[in-house]
Amino acid sequence: MLKRFSRRAMRSFAVACLTLAVGLSVGAEFANSAVFALTQYFVVSGSASNLSVVCVYNFSTGTFPCYSASTGTYYVTYQLPFGAWYAHFLYDYAQARWVEQVTVRDFQL
């Protein structure tokens, strides 16, 4: 009788732990999700003498267009259609290298 009770208790405890683990992992996934508007923008902050340019790689089409190079603080606006998958790169002419990269992917959870 004691063995049967302990197995049942252990099974209930294991099911409760698994339920809690699944609930926490799914809750964390939805808690970190974001809702984006159709039009997005970046704010690039730099010094007045530092020239930089933002380029965007579109994984769906394979295109790599660049916006106009600018100095100081400027805004870059772009459209975010459903199912978009972009990588945004910031090229710094003073350092002569790519200095930042942001990836945005829209997919249904």
Protein backbone atom coordinates (compact mmCIF):
# COMPACT_ATOMS: atom_id res chain seq x y z
CA MET A 1 0.00 0.00 0.00
CA LEU A 2 2.83 2.40 0.83
CA LYS A 3 4.65 1.74 -2.48
CA ARG A 4 1.46 2.32 -4.45
CA PHE A 5 0.82 5.63 -2.72
CA SER A 6 4.38 6.84 -3.25
CA ARG A 7 4.33 5.97 -6.98
CA ARG A 8 1.04 7.78 -7.40
CA ALA A 9 2.38 10.79 -5.51
CA MET A 10 5.58 10.82 -7.60
CA ARG A 11 3.58 10.57 -10.84
CA SER A 12 1.33 13.47 -9.80
CA PHE A 13 4.33 15.53 -8.81
CA ALA A 14 6.05 14.83 -12.17
CA VAL A 15 2.91 15.80 -14.11
CA ALA A 16 2.57 19.01 -12.08
CA CYS A 17 6.24 19.92 -12.73
CA LEU A 18 5.92 19.27 -16.48
CA THR A 19 2.74 21.32 -16.66
CA LEU A 20 4.43 24.18 -14.85
CA ALA A 21 7.51 23.99 -17.11
CA VAL A 22 5.42 24.03 -20.30
CA GLY A 23 3.25 26.85 -18.99
CA LEU A 24 6.25 28.96 -18.10
CA SER A 25 8.04 28.37 -21.41
CA VAL A 26 4.97 29.22 -23.51
CA GLY A 27 4.20 32.23 -21.32
CA ALA A 28 7.76 33.50 -21.73
CA GLU A 29 7.54 33.15 -25.51
CA PHE A 30 4.36 35.20 -25.71
CA ALA A 31 5.56 37.71 -23.12
CA ASN A 32 8.62 38.58 -25.23
CA SER A 33 6.75 38.88 -28.51
CA ALA A 34 6.22 42.30 -30.03
CA VAL A 35 3.62 43.85 -32.30
CA PHE A 36 5.02 46.03 -35.06
CA ALA A 37 3.28 48.74 -37.03
CA LEU A 38 3.39 48.67 -40.83
CA THR A 39 5.87 51.57 -40.94
CA GLN A 40 9.03 51.31 -38.82
CA TYR A 41 11.93 53.69 -38.38
CA PHE A 42 15.45 53.72 -37.01
CA VAL A 43 17.04 56.68 -35.31
CA VAL A 44 20.77 56.76 -36.09
CA SER A 45 22.68 58.99 -33.68
CA GLY A 46 26.13 60.18 -34.65
CA SER A 47 28.39 63.18 -34.51
CA ALA A 48 28.06 65.97 -37.04
CA SER A 49 31.32 64.93 -38.74
CA ASN A 50 30.71 61.16 -38.77
CA LEU A 51 29.27 59.84 -42.06
CA SER A 52 27.24 56.61 -41.90
CA VAL A 53 24.79 54.71 -44.07
CA VAL A 54 22.05 52.14 -43.37
CA CYS A 55 21.71 49.17 -45.74
CA VAL A 56 18.97 46.53 -45.66
CA TYR A 57 19.27 42.89 -46.75
CA ASN A 58 15.91 41.34 -47.69
CA PHE A 59 16.16 37.57 -47.15
CA SER A 60 13.04 36.94 -49.26
CA THR A 61 14.23 38.70 -52.42
CA GLY A 62 18.01 38.77 -51.90
CA THR A 63 18.20 42.54 -52.46
CA PHE A 64 20.64 44.77 -50.56
CA PRO A 65 19.63 48.44 -51.02
CA CYS A 66 21.29 51.26 -49.09
CA TYR A 67 19.74 54.53 -47.95
CA SER A 68 21.49 57.86 -48.48
CA ALA A 69 24.58 58.39 -46.34
CA SER A 70 24.23 61.09 -43.75
CA THR A 71 25.93 62.69 -40.76
CA GLY A 72 24.68 63.49 -37.26
CA THR A 73 21.32 62.16 -36.11
CA TYR A 74 18.90 61.04 -38.81
CA TYR A 75 15.87 58.79 -39.29
CA VAL A 76 15.46 55.84 -41.64
CA THR A 77 11.87 54.72 -42.31
CA TYR A 78 10.93 51.43 -43.92
CA GLN A 79 7.84 49.31 -44.51
CA LEU A 80 7.34 46.06 -42.59
CA PRO A 81 4.94 43.90 -44.62
CA PHE A 82 3.54 40.62 -43.30
CA GLY A 83 6.15 37.85 -43.43
CA ALA A 84 9.12 40.23 -43.81
CA TRP A 85 12.63 39.11 -42.90
CA TYR A 86 15.22 41.91 -42.98
CA ALA A 87 18.73 42.48 -41.71
CA HIS A 88 19.65 46.15 -41.23
CA PHE A 89 23.33 47.07 -41.31
CA LEU A 90 25.01 50.33 -40.30
CA TYR A 91 28.25 51.22 -42.08
CA ASP A 92 30.50 53.79 -40.39
CA TYR A 93 32.79 55.58 -42.86
CA ALA A 94 35.07 56.94 -40.10
CA GLN A 95 35.84 53.39 -38.92
CA ALA A 96 35.56 51.95 -42.46
CA ARG A 97 33.54 48.95 -41.27
CA TRP A 98 30.06 47.65 -40.52
CA VAL A 99 29.37 48.59 -36.90
CA GLU A 100 25.81 47.37 -36.16
CA GLN A 101 23.29 44.84 -37.38
CA VAL A 102 19.60 44.38 -36.48
CA THR A 103 17.50 41.49 -37.78
CA VAL A 104 13.72 41.78 -37.99
CA ARG A 105 11.61 38.75 -38.88
CA ASP A 106 7.83 38.67 -38.90
CA PHE A 107 6.32 35.21 -38.49
CA GLN A 108 3.15 33.85 -37.00
CA LEU A 109 3.47 32.30 -33.54
